[in-house]
Amino acid sequence: MKKHDDPNYVAKVEKAIAQKYGQEAVQHPRSDWTEDKEKDYLEQLKRLTEKESEAAEKSEKVEKSGFLISKKLLNKRSERDCPVCGIYSFKIKDDLYMNKYECCWKCYVQYVEGREERWKTGWRPNNENHKTKT
């Protein structure tokens, strides 16, 4: 007679597991499950799903001009172009003037320096003035 044909085989295996690993190893998983644990588990599952969907959204790629670009890069506002002269700049000093005066350092020197009040009221050089001064 084989071991598997013995009707008490499962009971013997459970008993051996309980002796080796403890009684918790053979308990039914729901034996100590409560409503509080269920609520906590569902809340954790909800947070995990939200994190996974955020990560998937951030890593999503979209086609732009024939290239695949991360979607999170498209959401960022680029403030590297000077709204006055249109020049694109990587210079750190331009960042300061872009944040404070909404123009690059060259435009600040040419149009704003010494005339900050006029600039703050909304005055900007028109295209004709800007072209002749550059």
N, C-alpha and C. Protein backbone atom coordinates (compact mmCIF):
# COMPACT_ATOMS: atom_id res chain seq x y z
N MET A 1 0.84 -1.17 0.00
CA MET A 1 0.00 0.00 0.00
C MET A 1 0.90 1.25 0.00
N LYS A 2 0.57 2.18 -0.90
CA LYS A 2 1.33 3.40 -1.02
C LYS A 2 0.95 4.39 0.07
N LYS A 3 1.87 5.38 0.32
CA LYS A 3 1.59 6.40 1.33
C LYS A 3 0.34 7.21 0.97
N HIS A 4 0.20 7.49 -0.31
CA HIS A 4 -0.89 8.37 -0.74
C HIS A 4 -2.25 7.68 -0.69
N ASP A 5 -2.25 6.40 -0.61
CA ASP A 5 -3.51 5.67 -0.51
C ASP A 5 -4.01 5.63 0.94
N ASP A 6 -3.14 5.91 1.89
CA ASP A 6 -3.50 5.90 3.30
C ASP A 6 -4.42 7.08 3.60
N PRO A 7 -5.66 6.89 4.11
CA PRO A 7 -6.58 7.98 4.39
C PRO A 7 -6.09 8.93 5.48
N ASN A 8 -5.19 8.48 6.31
CA ASN A 8 -4.67 9.31 7.38
C ASN A 8 -3.37 10.03 6.99
N TYR A 9 -2.96 9.92 5.75
CA TYR A 9 -1.69 10.50 5.29
C TYR A 9 -1.67 12.02 5.48
N VAL A 10 -2.73 12.72 5.09
CA VAL A 10 -2.80 14.18 5.20
C VAL A 10 -2.71 14.60 6.67
N ALA A 11 -3.38 13.88 7.54
CA ALA A 11 -3.34 14.19 8.96
C ALA A 11 -1.94 13.99 9.52
N LYS A 12 -1.26 12.95 9.06
CA LYS A 12 0.10 12.70 9.52
C LYS A 12 1.05 13.81 9.05
N VAL A 13 0.88 14.23 7.81
CA VAL A 13 1.73 15.31 7.27
C VAL A 13 1.47 16.60 8.03
N GLU A 14 0.21 16.93 8.28
CA GLU A 14 -0.12 18.13 9.05
C GLU A 14 0.48 18.08 10.44
N LYS A 15 0.42 16.94 11.07
CA LYS A 15 0.96 16.79 12.42
C LYS A 15 2.48 16.99 12.40
N ALA A 16 3.15 16.44 11.40
CA ALA A 16 4.61 16.58 11.29
C ALA A 16 4.98 18.06 11.04
N ILE A 17 4.23 18.74 10.18
CA ILE A 17 4.49 20.16 9.91
C ILE A 17 4.28 20.98 11.16
N ALA A 18 3.20 20.70 11.91
CA ALA A 18 2.90 21.44 13.14
C ALA A 18 4.00 21.24 14.17
N GLN A 19 4.54 20.01 14.26
CA GLN A 19 5.61 19.75 15.22
C GLN A 19 6.89 20.49 14.83
N LYS A 20 7.17 20.53 13.51
CA LYS A 20 8.42 21.15 13.05
C LYS A 20 8.34 22.67 13.02
N TYR A 21 7.22 23.24 12.52
CA TYR A 21 7.11 24.69 12.29
C TYR A 21 6.14 25.41 13.22
N GLY A 22 5.41 24.70 14.01
CA GLY A 22 4.46 25.31 14.93
C GLY A 22 3.04 25.18 14.40
N GLN A 23 2.08 25.37 15.31
CA GLN A 23 0.67 25.17 14.99
C GLN A 23 0.16 26.17 13.95
N GLU A 24 0.75 27.39 13.92
CA GLU A 24 0.30 28.40 12.96
C GLU A 24 0.53 27.98 11.51
N ALA A 25 1.49 27.11 11.29
CA ALA A 25 1.81 26.69 9.92
C ALA A 25 0.69 25.86 9.30
N VAL A 26 -0.14 25.23 10.11
CA VAL A 26 -1.20 24.38 9.56
C VAL A 26 -2.59 24.97 9.77
N GLN A 27 -2.68 26.17 10.33
CA GLN A 27 -3.98 26.81 10.54
C GLN A 27 -4.54 27.31 9.21
N HIS A 28 -5.84 27.41 9.17
CA HIS A 28 -6.50 28.00 8.00
C HIS A 28 -6.19 29.50 8.01
N PRO A 29 -5.88 30.10 6.86
CA PRO A 29 -5.51 31.52 6.82
C PRO A 29 -6.57 32.46 7.41
N ARG A 30 -7.82 32.10 7.33
CA ARG A 30 -8.89 32.97 7.83
C ARG A 30 -9.19 32.76 9.32
N SER A 31 -8.48 31.88 9.98
CA SER A 31 -8.82 31.58 11.37
C SER A 31 -8.62 32.78 12.29
N ASP A 32 -7.65 33.66 12.01
CA ASP A 32 -7.47 34.83 12.86
C ASP A 32 -7.72 36.14 12.11
N TRP A 33 -8.43 36.08 11.00
CA TRP A 33 -8.75 37.26 10.18
C TRP A 33 -9.93 37.99 10.78
N THR A 34 -9.80 39.34 10.94
CA THR A 34 -10.88 40.12 11.54
C THR A 34 -11.33 41.21 10.56
N GLU A 35 -12.40 41.89 10.92
CA GLU A 35 -12.91 42.99 10.09
C GLU A 35 -11.88 44.12 10.00
N ASP A 36 -11.20 44.41 11.11
CA ASP A 36 -10.18 45.46 11.11
C ASP A 36 -9.03 45.11 10.16
N LYS A 37 -8.61 43.87 10.21
CA LYS A 37 -7.54 43.43 9.30
C LYS A 37 -8.00 43.52 7.84
N GLU A 38 -9.26 43.21 7.60
CA GLU A 38 -9.80 43.29 6.24
C GLU A 38 -9.80 44.74 5.75
N LYS A 39 -10.24 45.68 6.60
CA LYS A 39 -10.25 47.10 6.22
C LYS A 39 -8.83 47.60 5.97
N ASP A 40 -7.90 47.22 6.84
CA ASP A 40 -6.51 47.62 6.68
C ASP A 40 -5.92 47.07 5.38
N TYR A 41 -6.22 45.81 5.10
CA TYR A 41 -5.74 45.19 3.87
C TYR A 41 -6.29 45.89 2.63
N LEU A 42 -7.57 46.21 2.65
CA LEU A 42 -8.18 46.89 1.50
C LEU A 42 -7.60 48.29 1.30
N GLU A 43 -7.31 48.99 2.40
CA GLU A 43 -6.69 50.32 2.32
C GLU A 43 -5.28 50.22 1.74
N GLN A 44 -4.52 49.23 2.18
CA GLN A 44 -3.18 49.02 1.64
C GLN A 44 -3.24 48.68 0.16
N LEU A 45 -4.20 47.86 -0.22
CA LEU A 45 -4.36 47.48 -1.62
C LEU A 45 -4.72 48.70 -2.48
N LYS A 46 -5.55 49.58 -1.95
CA LYS A 46 -5.95 50.80 -2.65
C LYS A 46 -4.74 51.71 -2.87
N ARG A 47 -3.93 51.90 -1.80
CA ARG A 47 -2.72 52.74 -1.93
C ARG A 47 -1.73 52.15 -2.92
N LEU A 48 -1.57 50.84 -2.89
CA LEU A 48 -0.66 50.17 -3.82
C LEU A 48 -1.12 50.36 -5.26
N THR A 49 -2.40 50.23 -5.49
CA THR A 49 -2.94 50.41 -6.84
C THR A 49 -2.74 51.84 -7.33
N GLU A 50 -2.94 52.81 -6.43
CA GLU A 50 -2.72 54.22 -6.80
C GLU A 50 -1.26 54.47 -7.15
N LYS A 51 -0.34 53.93 -6.36
CA LYS A 51 1.08 54.10 -6.64
C LYS A 51 1.46 53.46 -7.97
N GLU A 52 0.94 52.28 -8.23
CA GLU A 52 1.24 51.59 -9.48
C GLU A 52 0.71 52.35 -10.69
N SER A 53 -0.48 52.91 -10.56
CA SER A 53 -1.05 53.66 -11.69
C SER A 53 -0.28 54.96 -11.91
N GLU A 54 0.17 55.62 -10.83
CA GLU A 54 1.00 56.82 -10.97
C GLU A 54 2.32 56.49 -11.65
N ALA A 55 2.95 55.39 -11.25
CA ALA A 55 4.22 54.99 -11.85
C ALA A 55 4.03 54.64 -13.32
N ALA A 56 2.94 53.97 -13.64
CA ALA A 56 2.68 53.61 -15.04
C ALA A 56 2.43 54.86 -15.87
N GLU A 57 1.74 55.83 -15.30
CA GLU A 57 1.46 57.08 -16.02
C GLU A 57 2.74 57.87 -16.26
N LYS A 58 3.64 57.88 -15.27
CA LYS A 58 4.90 58.61 -15.41
C LYS A 58 5.81 57.96 -16.45
N SER A 59 5.78 56.64 -16.53
CA SER A 59 6.68 55.97 -17.45
C SER A 59 6.06 55.80 -18.85
N GLU A 60 4.85 56.26 -19.01
CA GLU A 60 4.18 56.14 -20.31
C GLU A 60 4.90 57.02 -21.34
N LYS A 61 5.07 56.47 -22.53
CA LYS A 61 5.75 57.18 -23.61
C LYS A 61 4.73 57.61 -24.66
N VAL A 62 4.94 58.81 -25.21
CA VAL A 62 4.10 59.32 -26.28
C VAL A 62 4.99 59.72 -27.44
N GLU A 63 4.43 59.66 -28.64
CA GLU A 63 5.20 60.02 -29.81
C GLU A 63 5.08 61.51 -30.06
N LYS A 64 6.20 62.15 -30.23
CA LYS A 64 6.25 63.58 -30.48
C LYS A 64 7.31 63.82 -31.55
N SER A 65 6.90 64.27 -32.70
CA SER A 65 7.80 64.56 -33.81
C SER A 65 8.63 63.34 -34.20
N GLY A 66 8.03 62.18 -34.16
CA GLY A 66 8.73 60.96 -34.57
C GLY A 66 9.58 60.32 -33.49
N PHE A 67 9.56 60.86 -32.29
CA PHE A 67 10.34 60.31 -31.18
C PHE A 67 9.42 59.91 -30.05
N LEU A 68 9.81 58.89 -29.29
CA LEU A 68 9.07 58.51 -28.09
C LEU A 68 9.65 59.29 -26.92
N ILE A 69 8.78 60.03 -26.25
CA ILE A 69 9.18 60.88 -25.14
C ILE A 69 8.35 60.51 -23.93
N SER A 70 8.98 60.53 -22.76
CA SER A 70 8.27 60.24 -21.53
C SER A 70 7.17 61.29 -21.34
N LYS A 71 5.99 60.84 -20.97
CA LYS A 71 4.85 61.74 -20.80
C LYS A 71 5.10 62.77 -19.71
N LYS A 72 5.87 62.38 -18.67
CA LYS A 72 6.11 63.31 -17.57
C LYS A 72 6.95 64.50 -18.03
N LEU A 73 7.75 64.34 -19.06
CA LEU A 73 8.54 65.46 -19.56
C LEU A 73 7.67 66.47 -20.30
N LEU A 74 6.60 66.00 -20.91
CA LEU A 74 5.72 66.91 -21.65
C LEU A 74 4.88 67.76 -20.73
N ASN A 75 4.67 67.32 -19.50
CA ASN A 75 3.86 68.08 -18.57
C ASN A 75 4.64 69.24 -17.94
N LYS A 76 5.95 69.16 -17.99
CA LYS A 76 6.75 70.21 -17.37
C LYS A 76 6.78 71.43 -18.27
N ARG A 77 6.66 72.59 -17.65
CA ARG A 77 6.70 73.85 -18.37
C ARG A 77 8.14 74.24 -18.62
N SER A 78 8.45 74.55 -19.85
CA SER A 78 9.80 74.97 -20.16
C SER A 78 9.86 76.48 -20.17
N GLU A 79 10.72 77.04 -19.33
CA GLU A 79 10.86 78.48 -19.26
C GLU A 79 12.28 78.87 -19.69
N ARG A 80 12.76 78.23 -20.70
CA ARG A 80 14.11 78.51 -21.16
C ARG A 80 14.11 79.52 -22.30
N ASP A 81 12.96 79.79 -22.91
CA ASP A 81 12.88 80.80 -23.97
C ASP A 81 12.54 82.14 -23.36
N CYS A 82 13.30 83.16 -23.73
CA CYS A 82 13.00 84.51 -23.27
C CYS A 82 11.78 85.01 -24.02
N PRO A 83 10.72 85.45 -23.32
CA PRO A 83 9.53 85.94 -24.00
C PRO A 83 9.77 87.25 -24.75
N VAL A 84 10.82 87.98 -24.42
CA VAL A 84 11.10 89.26 -25.07
C VAL A 84 11.87 89.05 -26.37
N CYS A 85 13.01 88.35 -26.28
CA CYS A 85 13.85 88.19 -27.48
C CYS A 85 13.73 86.82 -28.12
N GLY A 86 13.17 85.84 -27.41
CA GLY A 86 12.96 84.52 -27.97
C GLY A 86 14.18 83.63 -27.95
N ILE A 87 15.26 84.05 -27.34
CA ILE A 87 16.49 83.26 -27.30
C ILE A 87 16.35 82.17 -26.24
N TYR A 88 16.82 80.96 -26.60
CA TYR A 88 16.81 79.83 -25.68
C TYR A 88 18.14 79.82 -24.94
N SER A 89 18.11 79.72 -23.61
CA SER A 89 19.33 79.84 -22.83
C SER A 89 19.44 78.75 -21.78
N PHE A 90 20.67 78.25 -21.60
CA PHE A 90 20.97 77.31 -20.53
C PHE A 90 21.71 78.00 -19.39
N LYS A 91 21.95 79.28 -19.48
CA LYS A 91 22.76 79.99 -18.49
C LYS A 91 22.00 80.13 -17.16
N ILE A 92 22.74 79.92 -16.09
CA ILE A 92 22.14 79.98 -14.75
C ILE A 92 21.70 81.39 -14.42
N LYS A 93 22.47 82.40 -14.83
CA LYS A 93 22.08 83.77 -14.49
C LYS A 93 20.77 84.16 -15.18
N ASP A 94 20.47 83.56 -16.33
CA ASP A 94 19.20 83.84 -16.98
C ASP A 94 18.02 83.32 -16.16
N ASP A 95 18.23 82.23 -15.42
CA ASP A 95 17.15 81.68 -14.58
C ASP A 95 16.66 82.70 -13.56
N LEU A 96 17.58 83.41 -12.96
CA LEU A 96 17.22 84.42 -11.96
C LEU A 96 16.34 85.50 -12.58
N TYR A 97 16.75 86.02 -13.72
CA TYR A 97 16.00 87.10 -14.36
C TYR A 97 14.69 86.59 -14.96
N MET A 98 14.67 85.33 -15.42
CA MET A 98 13.42 84.75 -15.94
C MET A 98 12.39 84.64 -14.81
N ASN A 99 12.84 84.24 -13.63
CA ASN A 99 11.92 84.09 -12.51
C ASN A 99 11.42 85.43 -11.99
N LYS A 100 12.30 86.42 -11.93
CA LYS A 100 11.92 87.69 -11.33
C LYS A 100 11.31 88.67 -12.34
N TYR A 101 11.88 88.75 -13.55
CA TYR A 101 11.44 89.76 -14.51
C TYR A 101 10.85 89.18 -15.80
N GLU A 102 10.82 87.86 -15.92
CA GLU A 102 10.30 87.20 -17.12
C GLU A 102 11.05 87.63 -18.38
N CYS A 103 12.36 87.70 -18.27
CA CYS A 103 13.20 87.98 -19.43
C CYS A 103 14.61 87.47 -19.13
N CYS A 104 15.43 87.35 -20.16
CA CYS A 104 16.80 86.88 -19.97
C CYS A 104 17.67 88.02 -19.45
N TRP A 105 18.93 87.72 -19.13
CA TRP A 105 19.84 88.71 -18.58
C TRP A 105 20.10 89.85 -19.56
N LYS A 106 20.27 89.52 -20.85
CA LYS A 106 20.53 90.56 -21.85
C LYS A 106 19.34 91.53 -21.95
N CYS A 107 18.14 90.99 -21.97
CA CYS A 107 16.95 91.86 -22.03
C CYS A 107 16.80 92.66 -20.75
N TYR A 108 17.17 92.08 -19.62
CA TYR A 108 17.11 92.81 -18.36
C TYR A 108 18.02 94.04 -18.45
N VAL A 109 19.25 93.83 -18.89
CA VAL A 109 20.21 94.93 -18.98
C VAL A 109 19.70 95.98 -19.97
N GLN A 110 19.15 95.54 -21.09
CA GLN A 110 18.74 96.46 -22.14
C GLN A 110 17.45 97.20 -21.82
N TYR A 111 16.46 96.51 -21.23
CA TYR A 111 15.13 97.10 -21.09
C TYR A 111 14.68 97.37 -19.65
N VAL A 112 15.19 96.59 -18.68
CA VAL A 112 14.63 96.65 -17.33
C VAL A 112 15.50 97.43 -16.36
N GLU A 113 16.78 97.23 -16.39
CA GLU A 113 17.69 97.81 -15.41
C GLU A 113 17.50 99.32 -15.31
N GLY A 114 17.19 99.76 -14.12
CA GLY A 114 16.94 101.18 -13.88
C GLY A 114 15.51 101.60 -14.18
N ARG A 115 14.72 100.71 -14.79
CA ARG A 115 13.32 101.03 -15.13
C ARG A 115 12.39 99.91 -14.63
N GLU A 116 12.68 99.38 -13.44
CA GLU A 116 11.93 98.25 -12.91
C GLU A 116 10.45 98.56 -12.72
N GLU A 117 10.12 99.79 -12.28
CA GLU A 117 8.72 100.15 -12.06
C GLU A 117 7.93 100.09 -13.36
N ARG A 118 8.49 100.62 -14.42
CA ARG A 118 7.82 100.57 -15.73
C ARG A 118 7.62 99.13 -16.16
N TRP A 119 8.61 98.29 -15.93
CA TRP A 119 8.54 96.88 -16.32
C TRP A 119 7.46 96.17 -15.51
N LYS A 120 7.38 96.47 -14.21
CA LYS A 120 6.39 95.82 -13.35
C LYS A 120 4.96 96.23 -13.71
N THR A 121 4.80 97.43 -14.30
CA THR A 121 3.45 97.86 -14.70
C THR A 121 3.00 97.19 -15.99
N GLY A 122 3.91 96.46 -16.66
CA GLY A 122 3.51 95.71 -17.84
C GLY A 122 4.12 96.16 -19.14
N TRP A 123 4.96 97.19 -19.11
CA TRP A 123 5.58 97.66 -20.34
C TRP A 123 6.53 96.60 -20.88
N ARG A 124 6.48 96.34 -22.17
CA ARG A 124 7.40 95.45 -22.87
C ARG A 124 7.77 96.09 -24.19
N PRO A 125 8.98 95.85 -24.68
CA PRO A 125 9.36 96.43 -25.98
C PRO A 125 8.54 95.78 -27.09
N ASN A 126 8.12 96.59 -28.08
CA ASN A 126 7.42 95.99 -29.20
C ASN A 126 8.46 95.40 -30.15
N ASN A 127 8.01 94.67 -31.15
CA ASN A 127 8.93 93.98 -32.05
C ASN A 127 9.86 94.95 -32.78
N GLU A 128 9.36 96.12 -33.19
CA GLU A 128 10.20 97.08 -33.91
C GLU A 128 11.31 97.60 -33.02
N ASN A 129 10.99 97.98 -31.78
CA ASN A 129 12.00 98.48 -30.85
C ASN A 129 13.05 97.41 -30.55
N HIS A 130 12.58 96.19 -30.38
CA HIS A 130 13.48 95.10 -30.03
C HIS A 130 14.43 94.79 -31.17
N LYS A 131 13.94 94.78 -32.41
CA LYS A 131 14.79 94.46 -33.56
C LYS A 131 15.84 95.52 -33.79
N THR A 132 15.49 96.80 -33.60
CA THR A 132 16.48 97.85 -33.84
C THR A 132 17.53 97.90 -32.75
N LYS A 133 17.18 97.47 -31.55
CA LYS A 133 18.13 97.53 -30.44
C LYS A 133 19.08 96.33 -30.44
N THR A 134 18.72 95.23 -31.06
CA THR A 134 19.55 94.04 -31.02
C THR A 134 20.65 94.03 -32.02
